[in-house]
Amino acid sequence: MALEIKAIPTLHGEAAERFIKLAEASPEERSKRRKIKIDISVVDKVLRKAGLV
């Protein structure tokens, strides 16, 4: 019994260009994108609402 060969999804156009740009970026450039900015006032508000402060 043979298994069906499934189609492999491929990127085209702008999505493909963006993927290549990100793949070729240096590790430093990629890590900049992952940093999360936390606003202290937002954290304070959440903690106060939860009753932790």
PDB file of N, CA and C in Angstrom:
ATOM      1  N   MET A   1       0.838  -1.171   0.000  1.00  0.00           N
ATOM      2  CA  MET A   1       0.000   0.000   0.000  1.00  0.00           C
ATOM      3  C   MET A   1       0.895   1.250   0.000  1.00  0.00           C
ATOM      4  N   ALA A   2       0.632   2.160  -0.892  1.00  0.00           N
ATOM      5  CA  ALA A   2       1.448   3.369  -1.026  1.00  0.00           C
ATOM      6  C   ALA A   2       0.840   4.512  -0.221  1.00  0.00           C
ATOM      7  N   LEU A   3       1.712   5.371   0.277  1.00  0.00           N
ATOM      8  CA  LEU A   3       1.263   6.554   1.000  1.00  0.00           C
ATOM      9  C   LEU A   3       1.124   7.728   0.041  1.00  0.00           C
ATOM     10  N   GLU A   4       0.132   8.537   0.292  1.00  0.00           N
ATOM     11  CA  GLU A   4      -0.107   9.707  -0.549  1.00  0.00           C
ATOM     12  C   GLU A   4       0.999  10.745  -0.320  1.00  0.00           C
ATOM     13  N   ILE A   5       1.485  11.333  -1.394  1.00  0.00           N
ATOM     14  CA  ILE A   5       2.477  12.400  -1.300  1.00  0.00           C
ATOM     15  C   ILE A   5       1.727  13.708  -1.113  1.00  0.00           C
ATOM     16  N   LYS A   6       2.028  14.390   0.003  1.00  0.00           N
ATOM     17  CA  LYS A   6       1.324  15.636   0.300  1.00  0.00           C
ATOM     18  C   LYS A   6       2.077  16.822  -0.277  1.00  0.00           C
ATOM     19  N   ALA A   7       1.327  17.828  -0.656  1.00  0.00           N
ATOM     20  CA  ALA A   7       1.924  19.043  -1.212  1.00  0.00           C
ATOM     21  C   ALA A   7       2.666  19.792  -0.117  1.00  0.00           C
ATOM     22  N   ILE A   8       3.810  20.365  -0.460  1.00  0.00           N
ATOM     23  CA  ILE A   8       4.601  21.159   0.466  1.00  0.00           C
ATOM     24  C   ILE A   8       4.248  22.627   0.254  1.00  0.00           C
ATOM     25  N   PRO A   9       3.816  23.320   1.319  1.00  0.00           N
ATOM     26  CA  PRO A   9       3.475  24.737   1.148  1.00  0.00           C
ATOM     27  C   PRO A   9       4.722  25.565   0.832  1.00  0.00           C
ATOM     28  N   THR A  10       4.579  26.510  -0.066  1.00  0.00           N
ATOM     29  CA  THR A  10       5.704  27.371  -0.435  1.00  0.00           C
ATOM     30  C   THR A  10       5.298  28.832  -0.323  1.00  0.00           C
ATOM     31  N   LEU A  11       6.277  29.666  -0.068  1.00  0.00           N
ATOM     32  CA  LEU A  11       6.030  31.104   0.034  1.00  0.00           C
ATOM     33  C   LEU A  11       6.259  31.756  -1.318  1.00  0.00           C
ATOM     34  N   HIS A  12       5.486  32.781  -1.598  1.00  0.00           N
ATOM     35  CA  HIS A  12       5.613  33.512  -2.851  1.00  0.00           C
ATOM     36  C   HIS A  12       5.602  35.004  -2.578  1.00  0.00           C
ATOM     37  N   GLY A  13       6.202  35.757  -3.448  1.00  0.00           N
ATOM     38  CA  GLY A  13       6.119  37.213  -3.404  1.00  0.00           C
ATOM     39  C   GLY A  13       6.719  37.841  -2.160  1.00  0.00           C
ATOM     40  N   GLU A  14       5.967  38.766  -1.562  1.00  0.00           N
ATOM     41  CA  GLU A  14       6.451  39.547  -0.424  1.00  0.00           C
ATOM     42  C   GLU A  14       6.749  38.657   0.788  1.00  0.00           C
ATOM     43  N   ALA A  15       5.935  37.637   1.015  1.00  0.00           N
ATOM     44  CA  ALA A  15       6.153  36.731   2.147  1.00  0.00           C
ATOM     45  C   ALA A  15       7.480  35.991   1.996  1.00  0.00           C
ATOM     46  N   ALA A  16       7.802  35.574   0.779  1.00  0.00           N
ATOM     47  CA  ALA A  16       9.060  34.870   0.526  1.00  0.00           C
ATOM     48  C   ALA A  16      10.254  35.803   0.727  1.00  0.00           C
ATOM     49  N   GLU A  17      10.137  37.037   0.265  1.00  0.00           N
ATOM     50  CA  GLU A  17      11.228  38.006   0.431  1.00  0.00           C
ATOM     51  C   GLU A  17      11.465  38.314   1.906  1.00  0.00           C
ATOM     52  N   ARG A  18      10.384  38.466   2.663  1.00  0.00           N
ATOM     53  CA  ARG A  18      10.508  38.742   4.099  1.00  0.00           C
ATOM     54  C   ARG A  18      11.167  37.567   4.818  1.00  0.00           C
ATOM     55  N   PHE A  19      10.782  36.342   4.458  1.00  0.00           N
ATOM     56  CA  PHE A  19      11.359  35.149   5.068  1.00  0.00           C
ATOM     57  C   PHE A  19      12.860  35.081   4.816  1.00  0.00           C
ATOM     58  N   ILE A  20      13.265  35.331   3.592  1.00  0.00           N
ATOM     59  CA  ILE A  20      14.689  35.288   3.246  1.00  0.00           C
ATOM     60  C   ILE A  20      15.458  36.368   3.995  1.00  0.00           C
ATOM     61  N   LYS A  21      14.886  37.571   4.074  1.00  0.00           N
ATOM     62  CA  LYS A  21      15.534  38.674   4.791  1.00  0.00           C
ATOM     63  C   LYS A  21      15.749  38.310   6.257  1.00  0.00           C
ATOM     64  N   LEU A  22      14.733  37.744   6.903  1.00  0.00           N
ATOM     65  CA  LEU A  22      14.854  37.351   8.308  1.00  0.00           C
ATOM     66  C   LEU A  22      15.816  36.182   8.493  1.00  0.00           C
ATOM     67  N   ALA A  23      15.827  35.252   7.561  1.00  0.00           N
ATOM     68  CA  ALA A  23      16.708  34.093   7.657  1.00  0.00           C
ATOM     69  C   ALA A  23      18.175  34.495   7.527  1.00  0.00           C
ATOM     70  N   GLU A  24      18.443  35.511   6.702  1.00  0.00           N
ATOM     71  CA  GLU A  24      19.816  35.940   6.481  1.00  0.00           C
ATOM     72  C   GLU A  24      20.301  36.974   7.510  1.00  0.00           C
ATOM     73  N   ALA A  25      19.411  37.449   8.371  1.00  0.00           N
ATOM     74  CA  ALA A  25      19.777  38.453   9.374  1.00  0.00           C
ATOM     75  C   ALA A  25      20.730  37.842  10.395  1.00  0.00           C
ATOM     76  N   SER A  26      21.593  38.684  10.939  1.00  0.00           N
ATOM     77  CA  SER A  26      22.537  38.207  11.947  1.00  0.00           C
ATOM     78  C   SER A  26      21.784  37.893  13.240  1.00  0.00           C
ATOM     79  N   PRO A  27      22.379  37.083  14.118  1.00  0.00           N
ATOM     80  CA  PRO A  27      21.719  36.760  15.392  1.00  0.00           C
ATOM     81  C   PRO A  27      21.399  38.007  16.218  1.00  0.00           C
ATOM     82  N   GLU A  28      22.240  39.024  16.150  1.00  0.00           N
ATOM     83  CA  GLU A  28      21.997  40.255  16.890  1.00  0.00           C
ATOM     84  C   GLU A  28      20.727  40.949  16.385  1.00  0.00           C
ATOM     85  N   GLU A  29      20.568  40.977  15.064  1.00  0.00           N
ATOM     86  CA  GLU A  29      19.387  41.612  14.485  1.00  0.00           C
ATOM     87  C   GLU A  29      18.124  40.834  14.842  1.00  0.00           C
ATOM     88  N   ARG A  30      18.202  39.511  14.845  1.00  0.00           N
ATOM     89  CA  ARG A  30      17.036  38.694  15.192  1.00  0.00           C
ATOM     90  C   ARG A  30      16.669  38.859  16.659  1.00  0.00           C
ATOM     91  N   SER A  31      17.653  38.977  17.539  1.00  0.00           N
ATOM     92  CA  SER A  31      17.347  39.106  18.962  1.00  0.00           C
ATOM     93  C   SER A  31      16.679  40.447  19.263  1.00  0.00           C
ATOM     94  N   LYS A  32      16.974  41.487  18.488  1.00  0.00           N
ATOM     95  CA  LYS A  32      16.337  42.786  18.681  1.00  0.00           C
ATOM     96  C   LYS A  32      14.837  42.690  18.456  1.00  0.00           C
ATOM     97  N   ARG A  33      14.430  41.840  17.537  1.00  0.00           N
ATOM     98  CA  ARG A  33      13.014  41.698  17.219  1.00  0.00           C
ATOM     99  C   ARG A  33      12.253  40.991  18.337  1.00  0.00           C
ATOM    100  N   ARG A  34      12.930  40.201  19.134  1.00  0.00           N
ATOM    101  CA  ARG A  34      12.272  39.395  20.156  1.00  0.00           C
ATOM    102  C   ARG A  34      12.142  40.099  21.495  1.00  0.00           C
ATOM    103  N   LYS A  35      12.826  41.212  21.677  1.00  0.00           N
ATOM    104  CA  LYS A  35      12.771  41.907  22.952  1.00  0.00           C
ATOM    105  C   LYS A  35      11.375  42.461  23.189  1.00  0.00           C
ATOM    106  N   ILE A  36      10.941  42.339  24.427  1.00  0.00           N
ATOM    107  CA  ILE A  36       9.612  42.820  24.792  1.00  0.00           C
ATOM    108  C   ILE A  36       9.778  44.043  25.680  1.00  0.00           C
ATOM    109  N   LYS A  37       9.115  45.101  25.318  1.00  0.00           N
ATOM    110  CA  LYS A  37       9.164  46.319  26.111  1.00  0.00           C
ATOM    111  C   LYS A  37       8.025  46.262  27.129  1.00  0.00           C
ATOM    112  N   ILE A  38       8.377  46.442  28.389  1.00  0.00           N
ATOM    113  CA  ILE A  38       7.382  46.406  29.447  1.00  0.00           C
ATOM    114  C   ILE A  38       7.265  47.791  30.061  1.00  0.00           C
ATOM    115  N   ASP A  39       6.064  48.314  30.045  1.00  0.00           N
ATOM    116  CA  ASP A  39       5.794  49.614  30.632  1.00  0.00           C
ATOM    117  C   ASP A  39       5.509  49.397  32.117  1.00  0.00           C
ATOM    118  N   ILE A  40       6.290  50.044  32.978  1.00  0.00           N
ATOM    119  CA  ILE A  40       6.163  49.869  34.414  1.00  0.00           C
ATOM    120  C   ILE A  40       4.762  50.220  34.905  1.00  0.00           C
ATOM    121  N   SER A  41       4.164  51.254  34.345  1.00  0.00           N
ATOM    122  CA  SER A  41       2.825  51.641  34.788  1.00  0.00           C
ATOM    123  C   SER A  41       1.802  50.556  34.497  1.00  0.00           C
ATOM    124  N   VAL A  42       1.953  49.860  33.403  1.00  0.00           N
ATOM    125  CA  VAL A  42       1.029  48.781  33.054  1.00  0.00           C
ATOM    126  C   VAL A  42       1.214  47.617  34.029  1.00  0.00           C
ATOM    127  N   VAL A  43       2.452  47.289  34.335  1.00  0.00           N
ATOM    128  CA  VAL A  43       2.732  46.204  35.278  1.00  0.00           C
ATOM    129  C   VAL A  43       2.144  46.554  36.646  1.00  0.00           C
ATOM    130  N   ASP A  44       2.356  47.788  37.093  1.00  0.00           N
ATOM    131  CA  ASP A  44       1.834  48.239  38.376  1.00  0.00           C
ATOM    132  C   ASP A  44       0.312  48.132  38.415  1.00  0.00           C
ATOM    133  N   LYS A  45      -0.340  48.543  37.349  1.00  0.00           N
ATOM    134  CA  LYS A  45      -1.799  48.493  37.266  1.00  0.00           C
ATOM    135  C   LYS A  45      -2.305  47.051  37.358  1.00  0.00           C
ATOM    136  N   VAL A  46      -1.659  46.134  36.677  1.00  0.00           N
ATOM    137  CA  VAL A  46      -2.063  44.729  36.692  1.00  0.00           C
ATOM    138  C   VAL A  46      -1.874  44.133  38.088  1.00  0.00           C
ATOM    139  N   LEU A  47      -0.726  44.430  38.709  1.00  0.00           N
ATOM    140  CA  LEU A  47      -0.460  43.901  40.045  1.00  0.00           C
ATOM    141  C   LEU A  47      -1.456  44.447  41.069  1.00  0.00           C
ATOM    142  N   ARG A  48      -1.791  45.730  40.944  1.00  0.00           N
ATOM    143  CA  ARG A  48      -2.766  46.330  41.872  1.00  0.00           C
ATOM    144  C   ARG A  48      -4.154  45.689  41.682  1.00  0.00           C
ATOM    145  N   LYS A  49      -4.542  45.461  40.445  1.00  0.00           N
ATOM    146  CA  LYS A  49      -5.844  44.876  40.167  1.00  0.00           C
ATOM    147  C   LYS A  49      -5.913  43.436  40.698  1.00  0.00           C
ATOM    148  N   ALA A  50      -4.788  42.735  40.658  1.00  0.00           N
ATOM    149  CA  ALA A  50      -4.735  41.359  41.158  1.00  0.00           C
ATOM    150  C   ALA A  50      -4.603  41.306  42.674  1.00  0.00           C
ATOM    151  N   GLY A  51      -4.381  42.478  43.291  1.00  0.00           N
ATOM    152  CA  GLY A  51      -4.256  42.534  44.737  1.00  0.00           C
ATOM    153  C   GLY A  51      -2.907  42.086  45.245  1.00  0.00           C
ATOM    154  N   LEU A  52      -1.907  42.161  44.410  1.00  0.00           N
ATOM    155  CA  LEU A  52      -0.566  41.717  44.793  1.00  0.00           C
ATOM    156  C   LEU A  52       0.321  42.875  45.262  1.00  0.00           C
ATOM    157  N   VAL A  53      -0.162  44.095  45.127  1.00  0.00           N
ATOM    158  CA  VAL A  53       0.616  45.266  45.584  1.00  0.00           C
ATOM    159  C   VAL A  53      -0.220  46.078  46.542  1.00  0.00           C
TER     160      VAL A  53
END
